[in-house]
Amino acid sequence: ALLALAPLATSAKDSPQNEKILKATDPFEGLAEAG
């Protein structure tokens, strides 16, 4: 959010765990699209 939606950073309550989970979805997103 800091890159494009700065106000979102505060309302997202700074959750490192959520950030890690969201990053970890990337390869599964690609897998879901591939077929």
Full PDB file with SEQRES, HELIX, SHEET, SSBOND, CRYST1, ORIGX, SCALE, CONECT and MASTER records, all heavy atoms in Angstrom:
SEQRES   1 A   35  ALA LEU LEU ALA LEU ALA PRO LEU ALA THR SER ALA LYS          
SEQRES   2 A   35  ASP SER PRO GLN ASN GLU LYS ILE LEU LYS ALA THR ASP          
SEQRES   3 A   35  PRO PHE GLU GLY LEU ALA GLU ALA GLY                          
HELIX    1 AA1 ALA A    6  SER A   11  1                                   6    
HELIX    2 AA2 PRO A   16  ALA A   24  1                                   9    
HELIX    3 AA3 ASP A   26  ALA A   34  1                                   9    
CRYST1    1.000    1.000    1.000  90.00  90.00  90.00 P 1           1          
ORIGX1      1.000000  0.000000  0.000000        0.00000                         
ORIGX2      0.000000  1.000000  0.000000        0.00000                         
ORIGX3      0.000000  0.000000  1.000000        0.00000                         
SCALE1      1.000000  0.000000  0.000000        0.00000                         
SCALE2      0.000000  1.000000  0.000000        0.00000                         
SCALE3      0.000000  0.000000  1.000000        0.00000                         
ATOM      1  N   ALA A   1       0.806  -1.212   0.000  1.00  0.00           N  
ATOM      2  CA  ALA A   1       0.000   0.000   0.000  1.00  0.00           C  
ATOM      3  C   ALA A   1       0.844   1.269   0.000  1.00  0.00           C  
ATOM      4  O   ALA A   1       0.437   2.298  -0.538  1.00  0.00           O  
ATOM      5  CB  ALA A   1      -0.917   0.008   1.218  1.00  0.00           C  
ATOM      6  N   LEU A   2       2.005   1.223   0.594  1.00  0.00           N  
ATOM      7  CA  LEU A   2       2.843   2.411   0.660  1.00  0.00           C  
ATOM      8  C   LEU A   2       3.263   2.893  -0.723  1.00  0.00           C  
ATOM      9  O   LEU A   2       3.577   4.066  -0.911  1.00  0.00           O  
ATOM     10  CB  LEU A   2       4.096   2.136   1.499  1.00  0.00           C  
ATOM     11  CG  LEU A   2       3.860   2.060   3.006  1.00  0.00           C  
ATOM     12  CD1 LEU A   2       5.124   1.583   3.702  1.00  0.00           C  
ATOM     13  CD2 LEU A   2       3.429   3.413   3.552  1.00  0.00           C  
ATOM     14  N   LEU A   3       3.256   1.991  -1.702  1.00  0.00           N  
ATOM     15  CA  LEU A   3       3.694   2.368  -3.045  1.00  0.00           C  
ATOM     16  C   LEU A   3       2.626   3.114  -3.808  1.00  0.00           C  
ATOM     17  O   LEU A   3       2.933   3.994  -4.601  1.00  0.00           O  
ATOM     18  CB  LEU A   3       4.103   1.112  -3.832  1.00  0.00           C  
ATOM     19  CG  LEU A   3       5.285   0.343  -3.265  1.00  0.00           C  
ATOM     20  CD1 LEU A   3       5.549  -0.890  -4.126  1.00  0.00           C  
ATOM     21  CD2 LEU A   3       6.523   1.224  -3.228  1.00  0.00           C  
ATOM     22  N   ALA A   4       1.344   2.758  -3.596  1.00  0.00           N  
ATOM     23  CA  ALA A   4       0.298   3.341  -4.423  1.00  0.00           C  
ATOM     24  C   ALA A   4      -0.855   3.919  -3.630  1.00  0.00           C  
ATOM     25  O   ALA A   4      -1.530   4.826  -4.092  1.00  0.00           O  
ATOM     26  CB  ALA A   4      -0.254   2.284  -5.378  1.00  0.00           C  
ATOM     27  N   LEU A   5      -1.113   3.405  -2.445  1.00  0.00           N  
ATOM     28  CA  LEU A   5      -2.245   3.837  -1.663  1.00  0.00           C  
ATOM     29  C   LEU A   5      -1.782   4.105  -0.236  1.00  0.00           C  
ATOM     30  O   LEU A   5      -2.068   3.355   0.675  1.00  0.00           O  
ATOM     31  CB  LEU A   5      -3.342   2.769  -1.683  1.00  0.00           C  
ATOM     32  CG  LEU A   5      -3.985   2.503  -3.046  1.00  0.00           C  
ATOM     33  CD1 LEU A   5      -4.826   1.240  -2.985  1.00  0.00           C  
ATOM     34  CD2 LEU A   5      -4.861   3.673  -3.464  1.00  0.00           C  
ATOM     35  N   ALA A   6      -1.068   5.190  -0.042  1.00  0.00           N  
ATOM     36  CA  ALA A   6      -0.456   5.464   1.247  1.00  0.00           C  
ATOM     37  C   ALA A   6      -1.423   5.425   2.424  1.00  0.00           C  
ATOM     38  O   ALA A   6      -1.100   4.870   3.466  1.00  0.00           O  
ATOM     39  CB  ALA A   6       0.252   6.829   1.203  1.00  0.00           C  
ATOM     40  N   PRO A   7      -2.660   5.957   2.313  1.00  0.00           N  
ATOM     41  CA  PRO A   7      -3.561   5.915   3.461  1.00  0.00           C  
ATOM     42  C   PRO A   7      -3.912   4.505   3.894  1.00  0.00           C  
ATOM     43  O   PRO A   7      -4.268   4.255   5.032  1.00  0.00           O  
ATOM     44  CB  PRO A   7      -4.811   6.651   2.952  1.00  0.00           C  
ATOM     45  CG  PRO A   7      -4.316   7.504   1.833  1.00  0.00           C  
ATOM     46  CD  PRO A   7      -3.209   6.709   1.204  1.00  0.00           C  
ATOM     47  N   LEU A   8      -3.796   3.560   2.983  1.00  0.00           N  
ATOM     48  CA  LEU A   8      -4.151   2.183   3.295  1.00  0.00           C  
ATOM     49  C   LEU A   8      -3.197   1.572   4.303  1.00  0.00           C  
ATOM     50  O   LEU A   8      -3.564   0.669   5.044  1.00  0.00           O  
ATOM     51  CB  LEU A   8      -4.153   1.359   2.009  1.00  0.00           C  
ATOM     52  CG  LEU A   8      -4.847  -0.001   2.028  1.00  0.00           C  
ATOM     53  CD1 LEU A   8      -6.314   0.172   2.377  1.00  0.00           C  
ATOM     54  CD2 LEU A   8      -4.713  -0.664   0.674  1.00  0.00           C  
ATOM     55  N   ALA A   9      -1.970   2.059   4.338  1.00  0.00           N  
ATOM     56  CA  ALA A   9      -0.969   1.461   5.223  1.00  0.00           C  
ATOM     57  C   ALA A   9      -1.398   1.541   6.676  1.00  0.00           C  
ATOM     58  O   ALA A   9      -1.197   0.610   7.445  1.00  0.00           O  
ATOM     59  CB  ALA A   9       0.377   2.159   5.033  1.00  0.00           C  
ATOM     60  N   THR A  10      -2.018   2.667   7.045  1.00  0.00           N  
ATOM     61  CA  THR A  10      -2.456   2.824   8.420  1.00  0.00           C  
ATOM     62  C   THR A  10      -3.657   1.945   8.712  1.00  0.00           C  
ATOM     63  O   THR A  10      -3.709   1.251   9.717  1.00  0.00           O  
ATOM     64  CB  THR A  10      -2.827   4.294   8.687  1.00  0.00           C  
ATOM     65  OG1 THR A  10      -1.661   5.088   8.471  1.00  0.00           O  
ATOM     66  CG2 THR A  10      -3.294   4.485  10.116  1.00  0.00           C  
ATOM     67  N   SER A  11      -4.628   1.941   7.785  1.00  0.00           N  
ATOM     68  CA  SER A  11      -5.833   1.179   8.043  1.00  0.00           C  
ATOM     69  C   SER A  11      -5.603  -0.323   7.941  1.00  0.00           C  
ATOM     70  O   SER A  11      -6.403  -1.108   8.424  1.00  0.00           O  
ATOM     71  CB  SER A  11      -6.945   1.599   7.075  1.00  0.00           C  
ATOM     72  OG  SER A  11      -6.504   1.516   5.746  1.00  0.00           O  
ATOM     73  N   ALA A  12      -4.517  -0.732   7.290  1.00  0.00           N  
ATOM     74  CA  ALA A  12      -4.190  -2.157   7.241  1.00  0.00           C  
ATOM     75  C   ALA A  12      -3.576  -2.647   8.542  1.00  0.00           C  
ATOM     76  O   ALA A  12      -3.360  -3.839   8.715  1.00  0.00           O  
ATOM     77  CB  ALA A  12      -3.230  -2.437   6.091  1.00  0.00           C  
ATOM     78  N   LYS A  13      -3.264  -1.728   9.450  1.00  0.00           N  
ATOM     79  CA  LYS A  13      -2.809  -2.046  10.803  1.00  0.00           C  
ATOM     80  C   LYS A  13      -1.484  -2.791  10.837  1.00  0.00           C  
ATOM     81  O   LYS A  13      -1.204  -3.503  11.795  1.00  0.00           O  
ATOM     82  CB  LYS A  13      -3.894  -2.838  11.551  1.00  0.00           C  
ATOM     83  CG  LYS A  13      -5.210  -2.067  11.662  1.00  0.00           C  
ATOM     84  CD  LYS A  13      -6.260  -2.864  12.394  1.00  0.00           C  
ATOM     85  CE  LYS A  13      -7.576  -2.107  12.412  1.00  0.00           C  
ATOM     86  NZ  LYS A  13      -8.652  -2.864  13.083  1.00  0.00           N  
ATOM     87  N   ASP A  14      -0.692  -2.639   9.777  1.00  0.00           N  
ATOM     88  CA  ASP A  14       0.682  -3.135   9.789  1.00  0.00           C  
ATOM     89  C   ASP A  14       0.759  -4.598  10.222  1.00  0.00           C  
ATOM     90  O   ASP A  14       1.262  -4.922  11.292  1.00  0.00           O  
ATOM     91  CB  ASP A  14       1.534  -2.261  10.721  1.00  0.00           C  
ATOM     92  CG  ASP A  14       3.021  -2.604  10.584  1.00  0.00           C  
ATOM     93  OD1 ASP A  14       3.385  -3.157   9.543  1.00  0.00           O  
ATOM     94  OD2 ASP A  14       3.775  -2.315  11.523  1.00  0.00           O  
ATOM     95  N   SER A  15       0.269  -5.495   9.374  1.00  0.00           N  
ATOM     96  CA  SER A  15       0.263  -6.920   9.700  1.00  0.00           C  
ATOM     97  C   SER A  15       1.302  -7.662   8.872  1.00  0.00           C  
ATOM     98  O   SER A  15       1.047  -8.021   7.724  1.00  0.00           O  
ATOM     99  CB  SER A  15      -1.127  -7.519   9.437  1.00  0.00           C  
ATOM    100  OG  SER A  15      -1.085  -8.925   9.561  1.00  0.00           O  
ATOM    101  N   PRO A  16       2.494  -7.900   9.430  1.00  0.00           N  
ATOM    102  CA  PRO A  16       3.516  -8.661   8.693  1.00  0.00           C  
ATOM    103  C   PRO A  16       3.037 -10.049   8.292  1.00  0.00           C  
ATOM    104  O   PRO A  16       3.394 -10.541   7.223  1.00  0.00           O  
ATOM    105  CB  PRO A  16       4.685  -8.732   9.693  1.00  0.00           C  
ATOM    106  CG  PRO A  16       4.476  -7.577  10.604  1.00  0.00           C  
ATOM    107  CD  PRO A  16       2.988  -7.440  10.737  1.00  0.00           C  
ATOM    108  N   GLN A  17       2.225 -10.676   9.136  1.00  0.00           N  
ATOM    109  CA  GLN A  17       1.735 -12.015   8.817  1.00  0.00           C  
ATOM    110  C   GLN A  17       0.849 -11.985   7.574  1.00  0.00           C  
ATOM    111  O   GLN A  17       0.980 -12.825   6.675  1.00  0.00           O  
ATOM    112  CB  GLN A  17       0.950 -12.587  10.002  1.00  0.00           C  
ATOM    113  CG  GLN A  17       0.350 -13.972   9.758  1.00  0.00           C  
ATOM    114  CD  GLN A  17       1.389 -15.086   9.749  1.00  0.00           C  
ATOM    115  OE1 GLN A  17       2.582 -14.836   9.895  1.00  0.00           O  
ATOM    116  NE2 GLN A  17       0.932 -16.320   9.590  1.00  0.00           N  
ATOM    117  N   ASN A  18      -0.047 -11.010   7.508  1.00  0.00           N  
ATOM    118  CA  ASN A  18      -0.889 -10.885   6.316  1.00  0.00           C  
ATOM    119  C   ASN A  18      -0.043 -10.634   5.072  1.00  0.00           C  
ATOM    120  O   ASN A  18      -0.317 -11.177   3.994  1.00  0.00           O  
ATOM    121  CB  ASN A  18      -1.904  -9.758   6.483  1.00  0.00           C  
ATOM    122  CG  ASN A  18      -3.148 -10.187   7.245  1.00  0.00           C  
ATOM    123  OD1 ASN A  18      -3.344 -11.362   7.538  1.00  0.00           O  
ATOM    124  ND2 ASN A  18      -3.994  -9.226   7.572  1.00  0.00           N  
ATOM    125  N   GLU A  19       0.971  -9.812   5.202  1.00  0.00           N  
ATOM    126  CA  GLU A  19       1.837  -9.520   4.064  1.00  0.00           C  
ATOM    127  C   GLU A  19       2.524 -10.795   3.570  1.00  0.00           C  
ATOM    128  O   GLU A  19       2.627 -11.038   2.365  1.00  0.00           O  
ATOM    129  CB  GLU A  19       2.872  -8.463   4.442  1.00  0.00           C  
ATOM    130  CG  GLU A  19       2.273  -7.083   4.683  1.00  0.00           C  
ATOM    131  CD  GLU A  19       3.330  -6.039   5.011  1.00  0.00           C  
ATOM    132  OE1 GLU A  19       4.521  -6.391   5.012  1.00  0.00           O  
ATOM    133  OE2 GLU A  19       2.952  -4.887   5.256  1.00  0.00           O  
ATOM    134  N   LYS A  20       2.985 -11.613   4.498  1.00  0.00           N  
ATOM    135  CA  LYS A  20       3.648 -12.864   4.122  1.00  0.00           C  
ATOM    136  C   LYS A  20       2.664 -13.817   3.435  1.00  0.00           C  
ATOM    137  O   LYS A  20       3.005 -14.473   2.445  1.00  0.00           O  
ATOM    138  CB  LYS A  20       4.246 -13.533   5.361  1.00  0.00           C  
ATOM    139  CG  LYS A  20       5.438 -12.798   5.951  1.00  0.00           C  
ATOM    140  CD  LYS A  20       5.907 -13.478   7.228  1.00  0.00           C  
ATOM    141  CE  LYS A  20       7.050 -12.733   7.883  1.00  0.00           C  
ATOM    142  NZ  LYS A  20       7.461 -13.356   9.170  1.00  0.00           N  
ATOM    143  N   ILE A  21       1.442 -13.892   3.972  1.00  0.00           N  
ATOM    144  CA  ILE A  21       0.439 -14.782   3.383  1.00  0.00           C  
ATOM    145  C   ILE A  21       0.098 -14.331   1.973  1.00  0.00           C  
ATOM    146  O   ILE A  21       0.026 -15.144   1.040  1.00  0.00           O  
ATOM    147  CB  ILE A  21      -0.823 -14.834   4.265  1.00  0.00           C  
ATOM    148  CG1 ILE A  21      -0.522 -15.576   5.569  1.00  0.00           C  
ATOM    149  CG2 ILE A  21      -1.974 -15.519   3.523  1.00  0.00           C  
ATOM    150  CD1 ILE A  21      -1.652 -15.537   6.585  1.00  0.00           C  
ATOM    151  N   LEU A  22      -0.113 -13.033   1.791  1.00  0.00           N  
ATOM    152  CA  LEU A  22      -0.463 -12.520   0.471  1.00  0.00           C  
ATOM    153  C   LEU A  22       0.654 -12.773  -0.536  1.00  0.00           C  
ATOM    154  O   LEU A  22       0.400 -13.153  -1.681  1.00  0.00           O  
ATOM    155  CB  LEU A  22      -0.790 -11.032   0.562  1.00  0.00           C  
ATOM    156  CG  LEU A  22      -2.148 -10.726   1.203  1.00  0.00           C  
ATOM    157  CD1 LEU A  22      -2.259  -9.257   1.564  1.00  0.00           C  
ATOM    158  CD2 LEU A  22      -3.284 -11.122   0.268  1.00  0.00           C  
ATOM    159  N   LYS A  23       1.884 -12.582  -0.108  1.00  0.00           N  
ATOM    160  CA  LYS A  23       3.009 -12.862  -0.993  1.00  0.00           C  
ATOM    161  C   LYS A  23       3.051 -14.340  -1.369  1.00  0.00           C  
ATOM    162  O   LYS A  23       3.358 -14.703  -2.513  1.00  0.00           O  
ATOM    163  CB  LYS A  23       4.324 -12.456  -0.318  1.00  0.00           C  
ATOM    164  CG  LYS A  23       5.551 -12.677  -1.193  1.00  0.00           C  
ATOM    165  CD  LYS A  23       6.819 -12.249  -0.476  1.00  0.00           C  
ATOM    166  CE  LYS A  23       8.045 -12.506  -1.347  1.00  0.00           C  
ATOM    167  NZ  LYS A  23       9.303 -12.130  -0.646  1.00  0.00           N  
ATOM    168  N   ALA A  24       2.724 -15.194  -0.404  1.00  0.00           N  
ATOM    169  CA  ALA A  24       2.771 -16.642  -0.632  1.00  0.00           C  
ATOM    170  C   ALA A  24       1.682 -17.128  -1.582  1.00  0.00           C  
ATOM    171  O   ALA A  24       1.759 -18.252  -2.096  1.00  0.00           O  
ATOM    172  CB  ALA A  24       2.660 -17.380   0.703  1.00  0.00           C  
ATOM    173  N   THR A  25       0.646 -16.307  -1.830  1.00  0.00           N  
ATOM    174  CA  THR A  25      -0.408 -16.722  -2.765  1.00  0.00           C  
ATOM    175  C   THR A  25       0.055 -16.675  -4.214  1.00  0.00           C  
ATOM    176  O   THR A  25      -0.574 -17.304  -5.082  1.00  0.00           O  
ATOM    177  CB  THR A  25      -1.657 -15.824  -2.642  1.00  0.00           C  
ATOM    178  OG1 THR A  25      -1.347 -14.482  -3.031  1.00  0.00           O  
ATOM    179  CG2 THR A  25      -2.236 -15.851  -1.233  1.00  0.00           C  
ATOM    180  N   ASP A  26       1.120 -15.971  -4.523  1.00  0.00           N  
ATOM    181  CA  ASP A  26       1.506 -15.718  -5.921  1.00  0.00           C  
ATOM    182  C   ASP A  26       1.622 -16.992  -6.762  1.00  0.00           C  
ATOM    183  O   ASP A  26       1.034 -17.076  -7.841  1.00  0.00           O  
ATOM    184  CB  ASP A  26       2.813 -14.923  -5.979  1.00  0.00           C  
ATOM    185  CG  ASP A  26       2.625 -13.470  -5.562  1.00  0.00           C  
ATOM    186  OD1 ASP A  26       1.466 -13.032  -5.461  1.00  0.00           O  
ATOM    187  OD2 ASP A  26       3.636 -12.780  -5.344  1.00  0.00           O  
ATOM    188  N   PRO A  27       2.410 -17.991  -6.335  1.00  0.00           N  
ATOM    189  CA  PRO A  27       2.541 -19.176  -7.200  1.00  0.00           C  
ATOM    190  C   PRO A  27       1.242 -19.958  -7.335  1.00  0.00           C  
ATOM    191  O   PRO A  27       1.012 -20.603  -8.359  1.00  0.00           O  
ATOM    192  CB  PRO A  27       3.615 -20.014  -6.495  1.00  0.00           C  
ATOM    193  CG  PRO A  27       3.624 -19.543  -5.092  1.00  0.00           C  
ATOM    194  CD  PRO A  27       3.277 -18.090  -5.144  1.00  0.00           C  
ATOM    195  N   PHE A  28       0.362 -19.874  -6.340  1.00  0.00           N  
ATOM    196  CA  PHE A  28      -0.900 -20.597  -6.417  1.00  0.00           C  
ATOM    197  C   PHE A  28      -1.879 -19.880  -7.347  1.00  0.00           C  
ATOM    198  O   PHE A  28      -2.699 -20.518  -8.000  1.00  0.00           O  
ATOM    199  CB  PHE A  28      -1.492 -20.787  -5.023  1.00  0.00           C  
ATOM    200  CG  PHE A  28      -0.537 -21.477  -4.081  1.00  0.00           C  
ATOM    201  CD1 PHE A  28      -0.367 -21.044  -2.788  1.00  0.00           C  
ATOM    202  CD2 PHE A  28       0.221 -22.561  -4.517  1.00  0.00           C  
ATOM    203  CE1 PHE A  28       0.517 -21.675  -1.932  1.00  0.00           C  
ATOM    204  CE2 PHE A  28       1.112 -23.204  -3.671  1.00  0.00           C  
ATOM    205  CZ  PHE A  28       1.257 -22.760  -2.366  1.00  0.00           C  
ATOM    206  N   GLU A  29      -1.765 -18.580  -7.398  1.00  0.00           N  
ATOM    207  CA  GLU A  29      -2.529 -17.817  -8.380  1.00  0.00           C  
ATOM    208  C   GLU A  29      -2.129 -18.246  -9.787  1.00  0.00           C  
ATOM    209  O   GLU A  29      -2.983 -18.506 -10.648  1.00  0.00           O  
ATOM    210  CB  GLU A  29      -2.273 -16.324  -8.194  1.00  0.00           C  
ATOM    211  CG  GLU A  29      -2.878 -15.456  -9.281  1.00  0.00           C  
ATOM    212  CD  GLU A  29      -2.230 -14.090  -9.356  1.00  0.00           C  
ATOM    213  OE1 GLU A  29      -1.504 -13.704  -8.420  1.00  0.00           O  
ATOM    214  OE2 GLU A  29      -2.446 -13.414 -10.377  1.00  0.00           O  
ATOM    215  N   GLY A  30      -0.818 -18.324 -10.024  1.00  0.00           N  
ATOM    216  CA  GLY A  30      -0.331 -18.744 -11.339  1.00  0.00           C  
ATOM    217  C   GLY A  30      -0.771 -20.151 -11.680  1.00  0.00           C  
ATOM    218  O   GLY A  30      -1.119 -20.443 -12.826  1.00  0.00           O  
ATOM    219  N   LEU A  31      -0.787 -21.022 -10.682  1.00  0.00           N  
ATOM    220  CA  LEU A  31      -1.217 -22.400 -10.891  1.00  0.00           C  
ATOM    221  C   LEU A  31      -2.701 -22.439 -11.252  1.00  0.00           C  
ATOM    222  O   LEU A  31      -3.122 -23.205 -12.128  1.00  0.00           O  
ATOM    223  CB  LEU A  31      -0.957 -23.215  -9.620  1.00  0.00           C  
ATOM    224  CG  LEU A  31      -1.223 -24.708  -9.672  1.00  0.00           C  
ATOM    225  CD1 LEU A  31      -0.376 -25.381 -10.743  1.00  0.00           C  
ATOM    226  CD2 LEU A  31      -0.950 -25.336  -8.302  1.00  0.00           C  
ATOM    227  N   ALA A  32      -3.495 -21.604 -10.583  1.00  0.00           N  
ATOM    228  CA  ALA A  32      -4.927 -21.572 -10.854  1.00  0.00           C  
ATOM    229  C   ALA A  32      -5.234 -21.073 -12.258  1.00  0.00           C  
ATOM    230  O   ALA A  32      -6.218 -21.478 -12.864  1.00  0.00           O  
ATOM    231  CB  ALA A  32      -5.630 -20.690  -9.822  1.00  0.00           C  
ATOM    232  N   GLU A  33      -4.395 -20.220 -12.788  1.00  0.00           N  
ATOM    233  CA  GLU A  33      -4.614 -19.647 -14.116  1.00  0.00           C  
ATOM    234  C   GLU A  33      -4.107 -20.542 -15.246  1.00  0.00           C  
ATOM    235  O   GLU A  33      -4.604 -20.469 -16.366  1.00  0.00           O  
ATOM    236  CB  GLU A  33      -3.909 -18.298 -14.227  1.00  0.00           C  
ATOM    237  CG  GLU A  33      -4.517 -17.216 -13.359  1.00  0.00           C  
ATOM    238  CD  GLU A  33      -3.755 -15.905 -13.504  1.00  0.00           C  
ATOM    239  OE1 GLU A  33      -2.523 -15.949 -13.691  1.00  0.00           O  
ATOM    240  OE2 GLU A  33      -4.396 -14.860 -13.440  1.00  0.00           O  
ATOM    241  N   ALA A  34      -3.136 -21.372 -14.949  1.00  0.00           N  
ATOM    242  CA  ALA A  34      -2.390 -22.061 -16.012  1.00  0.00           C  
ATOM    243  C   ALA A  34      -3.243 -22.998 -16.848  1.00  0.00           C  
ATOM    244  O   ALA A  34      -2.997 -23.178 -18.043  1.00  0.00           O  
ATOM    245  CB  ALA A  34      -1.218 -22.833 -15.401  1.00  0.00           C  
ATOM    246  N   GLY A  35      -4.253 -23.605 -16.260  1.00  0.00           N  
ATOM    247  CA  GLY A  35      -5.026 -24.620 -16.964  1.00  0.00           C  
ATOM    248  C   GLY A  35      -5.968 -24.097 -18.017  1.00  0.00           C  
ATOM    249  O   GLY A  35      -6.392 -24.844 -18.902  1.00  0.00           O  
TER     250      GLY A  35                                                      
MASTER        0    0    0    3    0    0    0    6  249    1    0    3          
END                                                                             
